[in-house]
Amino acid sequence: MSKVKTNSGAKKRFKVTGSGNIKRKHAFKSHILTKKSKKRKLNLTKTTLIHPTDVYRVRMLLKV
């Protein structure tokens, strides 16, 4: 039987923390930054946890 593979796109975008939560980065931080405020750009830089309703789906992609 073949090995179960993780989704390549998901493994680049999500990280599992020590406590088992899943971290993600914010979107909208790559270009067209001149019209965004400094506060907004600073908040987009920080990581956050994924929403509880998405945990199961992301775990299936990561095979965790």
C-alpha atoms as a PDB file:
ATOM      1  CA  MET A   1       0.000   0.000   0.000  1.00  0.00           C
ATOM      2  CA  SER A   2       1.300   3.467  -0.853  1.00  0.00           C
ATOM      3  CA  LYS A   3       2.183   6.147   1.677  1.00  0.00           C
ATOM      4  CA  VAL A   4      -0.297   8.881   2.561  1.00  0.00           C
ATOM      5  CA  LYS A   5       0.999  12.192   1.213  1.00  0.00           C
ATOM      6  CA  THR A   6       0.538  15.645   2.701  1.00  0.00           C
ATOM      7  CA  ASN A   7      -0.824  18.388   0.483  1.00  0.00           C
ATOM      8  CA  SER A   8       2.189  20.362  -0.818  1.00  0.00           C
ATOM      9  CA  GLY A   9       0.373  23.708  -0.837  1.00  0.00           C
ATOM     10  CA  ALA A  10      -0.889  23.243   2.715  1.00  0.00           C
ATOM     11  CA  LYS A  11       2.486  22.321   4.180  1.00  0.00           C
ATOM     12  CA  LYS A  12       3.892  25.623   2.881  1.00  0.00           C
ATOM     13  CA  ARG A  13       1.025  27.693   4.318  1.00  0.00           C
ATOM     14  CA  PHE A  14       0.271  26.138   7.719  1.00  0.00           C
ATOM     15  CA  LYS A  15       2.353  25.214  10.755  1.00  0.00           C
ATOM     16  CA  VAL A  16       1.277  23.058  13.711  1.00  0.00           C
ATOM     17  CA  THR A  17       2.142  24.561  17.104  1.00  0.00           C
ATOM     18  CA  GLY A  18       3.344  22.599  20.122  1.00  0.00           C
ATOM     19  CA  SER A  19      -0.131  22.618  21.653  1.00  0.00           C
ATOM     20  CA  GLY A  20      -1.655  21.250  18.423  1.00  0.00           C
ATOM     21  CA  ASN A  21      -3.150  24.461  17.082  1.00  0.00           C
ATOM     22  CA  ILE A  22      -2.550  25.469  13.464  1.00  0.00           C
ATOM     23  CA  LYS A  23      -0.916  28.801  12.600  1.00  0.00           C
ATOM     24  CA  ARG A  24      -1.409  30.776   9.400  1.00  0.00           C
ATOM     25  CA  LYS A  25      -0.289  34.075   7.908  1.00  0.00           C
ATOM     26  CA  HIS A  26      -2.585  36.909   6.872  1.00  0.00           C
ATOM     27  CA  ALA A  27      -3.386  37.629   3.231  1.00  0.00           C
ATOM     28  CA  PHE A  28      -3.165  41.007   1.414  1.00  0.00           C
ATOM     29  CA  LYS A  29       0.434  41.822   2.438  1.00  0.00           C
ATOM     30  CA  SER A  30       2.248  41.189  -0.866  1.00  0.00           C
ATOM     31  CA  HIS A  31       1.637  44.259  -3.058  1.00  0.00           C
ATOM     32  CA  ILE A  32      -0.322  47.527  -3.394  1.00  0.00           C
ATOM     33  CA  LEU A  33       0.836  48.549   0.084  1.00  0.00           C
ATOM     34  CA  THR A  34       0.834  52.328  -0.432  1.00  0.00           C
ATOM     35  CA  LYS A  35      -2.896  52.728   0.211  1.00  0.00           C
ATOM     36  CA  LYS A  36      -2.831  50.569   3.348  1.00  0.00           C
ATOM     37  CA  SER A  37      -2.165  52.213   6.696  1.00  0.00           C
ATOM     38  CA  LYS A  38       0.893  51.432   8.784  1.00  0.00           C
ATOM     39  CA  LYS A  39      -1.304  49.885  11.494  1.00  0.00           C
ATOM     40  CA  ARG A  40      -3.053  47.621   8.977  1.00  0.00           C
ATOM     41  CA  LYS A  41       0.242  46.442   7.436  1.00  0.00           C
ATOM     42  CA  LEU A  42       1.695  45.767  10.885  1.00  0.00           C
ATOM     43  CA  ASN A  43      -1.323  43.650  11.832  1.00  0.00           C
ATOM     44  CA  LEU A  44      -1.131  41.721   8.537  1.00  0.00           C
ATOM     45  CA  THR A  45       2.503  40.808   9.309  1.00  0.00           C
ATOM     46  CA  LYS A  46       1.576  38.871  12.441  1.00  0.00           C
ATOM     47  CA  THR A  47       0.520  35.226  12.400  1.00  0.00           C
ATOM     48  CA  THR A  48      -2.791  33.979  13.760  1.00  0.00           C
ATOM     49  CA  LEU A  49      -4.551  30.689  14.415  1.00  0.00           C
ATOM     50  CA  ILE A  50      -6.970  29.238  11.890  1.00  0.00           C
ATOM     51  CA  HIS A  51     -10.679  29.373  12.641  1.00  0.00           C
ATOM     52  CA  PRO A  52     -12.034  26.391  14.627  1.00  0.00           C
ATOM     53  CA  THR A  53     -14.394  25.421  11.782  1.00  0.00           C
ATOM     54  CA  ASP A  54     -11.404  24.967   9.434  1.00  0.00           C
ATOM     55  CA  VAL A  55      -9.276  22.850  11.788  1.00  0.00           C
ATOM     56  CA  TYR A  56     -10.583  19.477  10.573  1.00  0.00           C
ATOM     57  CA  ARG A  57     -10.146  20.393   6.895  1.00  0.00           C
ATOM     58  CA  VAL A  58      -6.574  21.646   7.327  1.00  0.00           C
ATOM     59  CA  ARG A  59      -5.637  18.616   9.446  1.00  0.00           C
ATOM     60  CA  MET A  60      -6.813  16.356   6.606  1.00  0.00           C
ATOM     61  CA  LEU A  61      -4.569  18.268   4.183  1.00  0.00           C
ATOM     62  CA  LEU A  62      -1.582  18.055   6.540  1.00  0.00           C
ATOM     63  CA  LYS A  63      -2.388  14.450   7.573  1.00  0.00           C
ATOM     64  CA  VAL A  64      -1.849  15.377  11.243  1.00  0.00           C
END
